[in-house]
Amino acid sequence: MDIRTQKTRALIANTFLSLLKEKPIDRISVAELTSQAHINRSTFYRHYTDIYNLRDTITTEFSDEIVAHFEEHLSEMENGEYRGWITELLDYVSANKEVIILTNKNTADPTLVNQLRATFIDKIFHYQNIKVTRFSRIIATDYCVSGTLSLVYDWITGKLNVSEGQLVEDIDKFIGDVQK
């Protein structure tokens, strides 16, 4: 992607996030976004099909980044060492907290959390060569992934008032206990 495309996409994304601070996604129009970004509607449509596609693209970029960090720690997690990945996950979501919250607010079904849940479970199953017939292992893995993501999301939204260090320790213990 050339530099102009990157700058245009960044401008569109930043304008979108500014608008999300003011109103829910279903009240943001392409016309309003392009007016505030000082670009033509055709420029917007060159990159995105609609406002929801823009949100999904932003969410997918975050998901891809988190998954890349996750994949770096798969071998450690296989040996029961979860702290490195949990710490890296919390650092990343903490640094990108505002964008994650904005792109998932006003929805009963957080897009990013669901994307990550499905991807993590798939990668764990593939990495550990878990067969669909190992139902207890499937349940334990889904439980750990879903629980971890819910706790992290609650932490960045302020629903869970604990320090990052305490959350790392608690999630590490939780996953270790479930995986026994």
Protein backbone atom coordinates (compact mmCIF):
# COMPACT_ATOMS: atom_id res chain seq x y z
CA MET A 1 0.00 0.00 0.00
CA ASP A 2 1.48 3.34 -1.01
CA ILE A 3 1.92 6.25 1.40
CA ARG A 4 -1.02 8.27 0.01
CA THR A 5 -3.38 5.34 0.48
CA GLN A 6 -2.11 4.84 4.03
CA LYS A 7 -2.59 8.53 4.85
CA THR A 8 -6.09 8.57 3.34
CA ARG A 9 -7.12 5.46 5.25
CA ALA A 10 -5.69 6.90 8.47
CA LEU A 11 -7.59 10.16 7.90
CA ILE A 12 -10.84 8.28 7.28
CA ALA A 13 -10.31 6.06 10.34
CA ASN A 14 -9.43 8.97 12.63
CA THR A 15 -12.44 10.98 11.45
CA PHE A 16 -14.65 7.94 11.98
CA LEU A 17 -13.33 7.45 15.52
CA SER A 18 -13.93 11.14 16.29
CA LEU A 19 -17.52 10.76 15.14
CA LEU A 20 -17.94 7.58 17.21
CA LYS A 21 -17.07 9.60 20.30
CA GLU A 22 -20.11 11.77 19.59
CA LYS A 23 -22.72 9.30 18.35
CA PRO A 24 -23.46 5.64 17.69
CA ILE A 25 -22.36 4.06 14.42
CA ASP A 26 -25.90 3.87 13.03
CA ARG A 27 -26.11 7.67 13.15
CA ILE A 28 -22.89 8.28 11.22
CA SER A 29 -23.28 8.80 7.49
CA VAL A 30 -20.67 8.61 4.77
CA ALA A 31 -21.61 12.18 3.81
CA GLU A 32 -20.92 13.45 7.32
CA LEU A 33 -17.64 11.55 7.59
CA THR A 34 -16.35 12.72 4.21
CA SER A 35 -17.36 16.30 4.95
CA GLN A 36 -15.45 16.30 8.23
CA ALA A 37 -12.45 14.57 6.64
CA HIS A 38 -12.50 17.01 3.70
CA ILE A 39 -12.50 14.23 1.12
CA ASN A 40 -14.88 13.23 -1.65
CA ARG A 41 -17.39 10.45 -1.15
CA SER A 42 -15.76 8.63 -4.07
CA THR A 43 -12.51 8.60 -2.10
CA PHE A 44 -14.27 6.93 0.81
CA TYR A 45 -15.92 4.36 -1.47
CA ARG A 46 -12.58 3.60 -3.11
CA HIS A 47 -11.51 2.13 0.25
CA TYR A 48 -14.72 0.99 1.98
CA THR A 49 -18.20 -0.12 0.99
CA ASP A 50 -19.95 1.61 3.91
CA ILE A 51 -19.50 2.77 7.51
CA TYR A 52 -19.83 -0.78 8.86
CA ASN A 53 -17.16 -2.03 6.46
CA LEU A 54 -14.88 0.72 7.78
CA ARG A 55 -15.53 -0.36 11.37
CA ASP A 56 -14.97 -4.02 10.45
CA THR A 57 -11.72 -3.17 8.68
CA ILE A 58 -10.42 -1.31 11.73
CA THR A 59 -11.49 -4.19 13.96
CA THR A 60 -9.84 -6.76 11.68
CA GLU A 61 -6.57 -4.82 11.73
CA PHE A 62 -6.58 -4.91 15.54
CA SER A 63 -7.55 -8.56 15.55
CA ASP A 64 -4.72 -9.43 13.15
CA GLU A 65 -2.20 -7.63 15.34
CA ILE A 66 -3.41 -9.38 18.51
CA VAL A 67 -3.39 -12.75 16.75
CA ALA A 68 0.20 -12.16 15.59
CA HIS A 69 1.23 -11.64 19.23
CA PHE A 70 -0.76 -14.72 20.23
CA GLU A 71 0.96 -16.91 17.63
CA GLU A 72 4.38 -15.84 18.94
CA HIS A 73 3.49 -17.37 22.32
CA LEU A 74 1.80 -20.63 21.25
CA SER A 75 4.79 -22.84 22.09
CA GLU A 76 5.10 -21.22 25.54
CA MET A 77 1.39 -21.76 26.17
CA GLU A 78 1.76 -25.41 25.16
CA ASN A 79 4.16 -25.71 28.11
CA GLY A 80 1.67 -24.05 30.48
CA GLU A 81 3.34 -20.62 30.39
CA TYR A 82 0.64 -18.01 29.79
CA ARG A 83 2.04 -14.89 31.48
CA GLY A 84 4.07 -13.68 28.48
CA TRP A 85 1.09 -13.72 26.16
CA ILE A 86 -1.35 -12.34 28.73
CA THR A 87 1.03 -9.47 29.55
CA GLU A 88 1.55 -8.67 25.86
CA LEU A 89 -2.22 -8.82 25.23
CA LEU A 90 -2.97 -6.46 28.11
CA ASP A 91 -0.22 -4.04 27.06
CA TYR A 92 -1.58 -3.98 23.50
CA VAL A 93 -5.24 -3.50 24.42
CA SER A 94 -4.32 -0.92 27.03
CA ALA A 95 -2.38 1.09 24.43
CA ASN A 96 -5.31 0.83 21.98
CA LYS A 97 -8.09 0.98 24.54
CA GLU A 98 -9.99 3.94 23.09
CA VAL A 99 -10.19 2.52 19.57
CA ILE A 100 -11.22 -0.92 20.81
CA ILE A 101 -13.96 0.52 23.00
CA LEU A 102 -15.22 2.92 20.32
CA THR A 103 -15.42 0.28 17.60
CA ASN A 104 -17.27 -2.12 19.89
CA LYS A 105 -19.62 0.25 21.71
CA ASN A 106 -23.35 0.37 21.11
CA THR A 107 -23.42 -3.26 20.14
CA ALA A 108 -24.57 -6.18 22.22
CA ASP A 109 -22.14 -8.36 20.30
CA PRO A 110 -18.57 -6.94 20.40
CA THR A 111 -17.10 -7.58 16.97
CA LEU A 112 -13.45 -7.69 18.02
CA VAL A 113 -14.05 -10.03 20.94
CA ASN A 114 -15.98 -12.46 18.72
CA GLN A 115 -13.34 -12.37 15.97
CA LEU A 116 -10.60 -13.05 18.49
CA ARG A 117 -12.52 -15.83 20.20
CA ALA A 118 -13.09 -17.73 16.97
CA THR A 119 -9.52 -17.19 15.76
CA PHE A 120 -7.84 -18.14 19.05
CA ILE A 121 -9.88 -21.31 19.40
CA ASP A 122 -9.14 -22.30 15.81
CA LYS A 123 -5.40 -21.65 16.23
CA ILE A 124 -5.21 -23.54 19.53
CA PHE A 125 -7.05 -26.52 18.06
CA HIS A 126 -4.83 -26.52 15.00
CA TYR A 127 -1.61 -26.04 16.99
CA GLN A 128 -2.48 -28.71 19.56
CA ASN A 129 -4.03 -30.94 16.89
CA ILE A 130 -7.23 -31.21 18.93
CA LYS A 131 -9.80 -33.43 17.34
CA VAL A 132 -13.44 -32.43 17.42
CA THR A 133 -14.13 -35.71 19.24
CA ARG A 134 -12.24 -34.50 22.34
CA PHE A 135 -15.28 -32.68 23.66
CA SER A 136 -13.90 -31.99 27.16
CA ARG A 137 -10.81 -30.35 25.65
CA ILE A 138 -12.98 -28.26 23.32
CA ILE A 139 -15.07 -27.04 26.25
CA ALA A 140 -11.99 -26.23 28.36
CA THR A 141 -10.34 -24.31 25.52
CA ASP A 142 -13.49 -22.35 24.67
CA TYR A 143 -14.03 -21.60 28.36
CA CYS A 144 -10.47 -20.28 28.79
CA VAL A 145 -10.50 -18.18 25.63
CA SER A 146 -13.98 -16.74 26.21
CA GLY A 147 -13.30 -16.06 29.87
CA THR A 148 -9.96 -14.39 29.19
CA LEU A 149 -11.35 -12.15 26.45
CA SER A 150 -14.36 -11.17 28.58
CA LEU A 151 -12.11 -10.27 31.51
CA VAL A 152 -9.78 -8.23 29.30
CA TYR A 153 -12.70 -6.39 27.68
CA ASP A 154 -14.24 -5.67 31.09
CA TRP A 155 -10.84 -4.44 32.31
CA ILE A 156 -10.34 -1.93 29.47
CA THR A 157 -13.93 -0.68 29.75
CA GLY A 158 -13.50 -0.11 33.49
CA LYS A 159 -15.98 -2.78 34.61
CA LEU A 160 -13.16 -4.70 36.28
CA ASN A 161 -11.11 -2.57 38.65
CA VAL A 162 -7.81 -4.42 39.14
CA SER A 163 -4.21 -3.65 38.24
CA GLU A 164 -2.68 -5.08 35.08
CA GLY A 165 -0.33 -7.21 37.19
CA GLN A 166 -3.19 -8.64 39.23
CA LEU A 167 -5.19 -9.40 36.08
CA VAL A 168 -2.20 -11.20 34.51
CA GLU A 169 -1.79 -13.27 37.68
CA ASP A 170 -5.51 -14.09 37.92
CA ILE A 171 -5.89 -15.07 34.26
CA ASP A 172 -2.71 -17.15 34.38
CA LYS A 173 -4.01 -19.02 37.43
CA PHE A 174 -7.48 -19.41 35.88
CA ILE A 175 -6.13 -20.91 32.64
CA GLY A 176 -3.67 -23.12 34.52
CA ASP A 177 -6.44 -24.47 36.76
CA VAL A 178 -8.81 -25.18 33.87
CA GLN A 179 -6.12 -26.84 31.74
CA LYS A 180 -5.18 -29.35 34.50
